[in-house]
Amino acid sequence: MSISISIEDIDEVTAQWIYQEAEQRGMSVEMFVLQLIQKGISLERQEAQPQAYHDLDSLAGTWTEEQAAEFLKTIIDFEQIDEKLWQ
């Protein structure tokens, strides 16, 4: 299915650039503009995807079992509720 879209109010410089680029590439203006739109959509989709960060990867899994046990032992007090604070 073919759909037509009109774009109005394109400035002179942009229009000239589009025509020149299409001619240099041996393409119709319509095909060149379609490629520009498709590339723009592709870039937008890539930017919209959540980025995975790896800046803390070197720290993951570096504790020994003894170190982990010591840490958990140290923070055990944080697990207890102070009833006086909730009255």
C-alpha atoms as a PDB file:
ATOM      1  CA  MET A   1       0.000   0.000   0.000  1.00  0.00           C
ATOM      2  CA  SER A   2       1.382   3.366  -0.977  1.00  0.00           C
ATOM      3  CA  ILE A   3       0.705   6.437   1.134  1.00  0.00           C
ATOM      4  CA  SER A   4       1.554   9.987   0.115  1.00  0.00           C
ATOM      5  CA  ILE A   5       2.647  12.649   2.594  1.00  0.00           C
ATOM      6  CA  SER A   6       3.111  16.318   1.734  1.00  0.00           C
ATOM      7  CA  ILE A   7       5.524  18.517   3.624  1.00  0.00           C
ATOM      8  CA  GLU A   8       4.895  22.233   3.483  1.00  0.00           C
ATOM      9  CA  ASP A   9       7.016  25.258   4.354  1.00  0.00           C
ATOM     10  CA  ILE A  10      10.437  23.747   3.669  1.00  0.00           C
ATOM     11  CA  ASP A  11      12.992  26.520   3.585  1.00  0.00           C
ATOM     12  CA  GLU A  12      14.921  27.211   0.387  1.00  0.00           C
ATOM     13  CA  VAL A  13      18.288  25.972   1.681  1.00  0.00           C
ATOM     14  CA  THR A  14      16.863  22.648   2.841  1.00  0.00           C
ATOM     15  CA  ALA A  15      14.951  22.121  -0.397  1.00  0.00           C
ATOM     16  CA  GLN A  16      18.062  22.840  -2.484  1.00  0.00           C
ATOM     17  CA  TRP A  17      20.122  20.447  -0.381  1.00  0.00           C
ATOM     18  CA  ILE A  18      17.526  17.692  -0.823  1.00  0.00           C
ATOM     19  CA  TYR A  19      17.414  18.141  -4.585  1.00  0.00           C
ATOM     20  CA  GLN A  20      21.218  18.243  -4.877  1.00  0.00           C
ATOM     21  CA  GLU A  21      21.754  15.163  -2.714  1.00  0.00           C
ATOM     22  CA  ALA A  22      19.097  13.195  -4.572  1.00  0.00           C
ATOM     23  CA  GLU A  23      20.667  14.114  -7.908  1.00  0.00           C
ATOM     24  CA  GLN A  24      24.185  13.232  -6.731  1.00  0.00           C
ATOM     25  CA  ARG A  25      22.967   9.839  -5.568  1.00  0.00           C
ATOM     26  CA  GLY A  26      21.015   9.214  -8.762  1.00  0.00           C
ATOM     27  CA  MET A  27      17.737   8.969  -6.888  1.00  0.00           C
ATOM     28  CA  SER A  28      14.378  10.583  -7.111  1.00  0.00           C
ATOM     29  CA  VAL A  29      13.709  13.289  -4.545  1.00  0.00           C
ATOM     30  CA  GLU A  30      10.881  11.163  -3.146  1.00  0.00           C
ATOM     31  CA  MET A  31      13.119   8.109  -2.675  1.00  0.00           C
ATOM     32  CA  PHE A  32      15.865  10.193  -1.075  1.00  0.00           C
ATOM     33  CA  VAL A  33      13.452  11.845   1.372  1.00  0.00           C
ATOM     34  CA  LEU A  34      11.973   8.420   2.188  1.00  0.00           C
ATOM     35  CA  GLN A  35      15.475   7.133   3.029  1.00  0.00           C
ATOM     36  CA  LEU A  36      16.100  10.170   5.243  1.00  0.00           C
ATOM     37  CA  ILE A  37      12.847   9.553   7.106  1.00  0.00           C
ATOM     38  CA  GLN A  38      13.598   5.834   7.547  1.00  0.00           C
ATOM     39  CA  LYS A  39      17.107   6.566   8.871  1.00  0.00           C
ATOM     40  CA  GLY A  40      15.692   9.173  11.243  1.00  0.00           C
ATOM     41  CA  ILE A  41      13.109   6.719  12.560  1.00  0.00           C
ATOM     42  CA  SER A  42      15.795   4.091  13.055  1.00  0.00           C
ATOM     43  CA  LEU A  43      17.940   6.526  15.058  1.00  0.00           C
ATOM     44  CA  GLU A  44      14.963   7.583  17.188  1.00  0.00           C
ATOM     45  CA  ARG A  45      14.148   3.963  17.973  1.00  0.00           C
ATOM     46  CA  GLN A  46      17.744   3.238  18.975  1.00  0.00           C
ATOM     47  CA  GLU A  47      17.823   6.246  21.299  1.00  0.00           C
ATOM     48  CA  ALA A  48      14.474   5.275  22.822  1.00  0.00           C
ATOM     49  CA  GLN A  49      15.770   1.853  23.886  1.00  0.00           C
ATOM     50  CA  PRO A  50      17.012   1.732  27.460  1.00  0.00           C
ATOM     51  CA  GLN A  51      20.761   1.881  27.666  1.00  0.00           C
ATOM     52  CA  ALA A  52      22.605  -0.819  29.588  1.00  0.00           C
ATOM     53  CA  TYR A  53      25.270   0.499  31.901  1.00  0.00           C
ATOM     54  CA  HIS A  54      28.309  -1.537  32.798  1.00  0.00           C
ATOM     55  CA  ASP A  55      30.180   0.866  35.067  1.00  0.00           C
ATOM     56  CA  LEU A  56      29.699  -1.309  38.172  1.00  0.00           C
ATOM     57  CA  ASP A  57      30.213  -4.686  36.508  1.00  0.00           C
ATOM     58  CA  SER A  58      33.709  -5.052  37.938  1.00  0.00           C
ATOM     59  CA  LEU A  59      32.239  -4.954  41.446  1.00  0.00           C
ATOM     60  CA  ALA A  60      29.587  -7.609  40.923  1.00  0.00           C
ATOM     61  CA  GLY A  61      30.429 -10.948  42.440  1.00  0.00           C
ATOM     62  CA  THR A  62      33.782  -9.851  43.856  1.00  0.00           C
ATOM     63  CA  TRP A  63      33.050 -10.606  47.522  1.00  0.00           C
ATOM     64  CA  THR A  64      34.089 -13.876  49.021  1.00  0.00           C
ATOM     65  CA  GLU A  65      31.510 -15.801  51.017  1.00  0.00           C
ATOM     66  CA  GLU A  66      33.238 -14.648  54.196  1.00  0.00           C
ATOM     67  CA  GLN A  67      33.058 -10.997  53.166  1.00  0.00           C
ATOM     68  CA  ALA A  68      29.364 -11.318  52.300  1.00  0.00           C
ATOM     69  CA  ALA A  69      28.637 -13.004  55.625  1.00  0.00           C
ATOM     70  CA  GLU A  70      30.516 -10.265  57.498  1.00  0.00           C
ATOM     71  CA  PHE A  71      28.549  -7.581  55.670  1.00  0.00           C
ATOM     72  CA  LEU A  72      25.210  -9.228  56.441  1.00  0.00           C
ATOM     73  CA  LYS A  73      26.260  -9.617  60.080  1.00  0.00           C
ATOM     74  CA  THR A  74      27.151  -5.911  60.215  1.00  0.00           C
ATOM     75  CA  ILE A  75      23.797  -4.709  58.869  1.00  0.00           C
ATOM     76  CA  ILE A  76      21.585  -7.116  60.858  1.00  0.00           C
ATOM     77  CA  ASP A  77      20.531  -4.259  63.159  1.00  0.00           C
ATOM     78  CA  PHE A  78      18.866  -2.532  60.212  1.00  0.00           C
ATOM     79  CA  GLU A  79      16.449  -5.460  59.943  1.00  0.00           C
ATOM     80  CA  GLN A  80      14.957  -4.795  63.384  1.00  0.00           C
ATOM     81  CA  ILE A  81      12.061  -2.386  63.920  1.00  0.00           C
ATOM     82  CA  ASP A  82      12.311   0.090  66.784  1.00  0.00           C
ATOM     83  CA  GLU A  83       8.823  -0.032  68.268  1.00  0.00           C
ATOM     84  CA  LYS A  84       9.338   3.328  70.042  1.00  0.00           C
ATOM     85  CA  LEU A  85       9.678   5.087  66.697  1.00  0.00           C
ATOM     86  CA  TRP A  86       6.277   3.787  65.568  1.00  0.00           C
ATOM     87  CA  GLN A  87       4.262   5.018  68.555  1.00  0.00           C
END
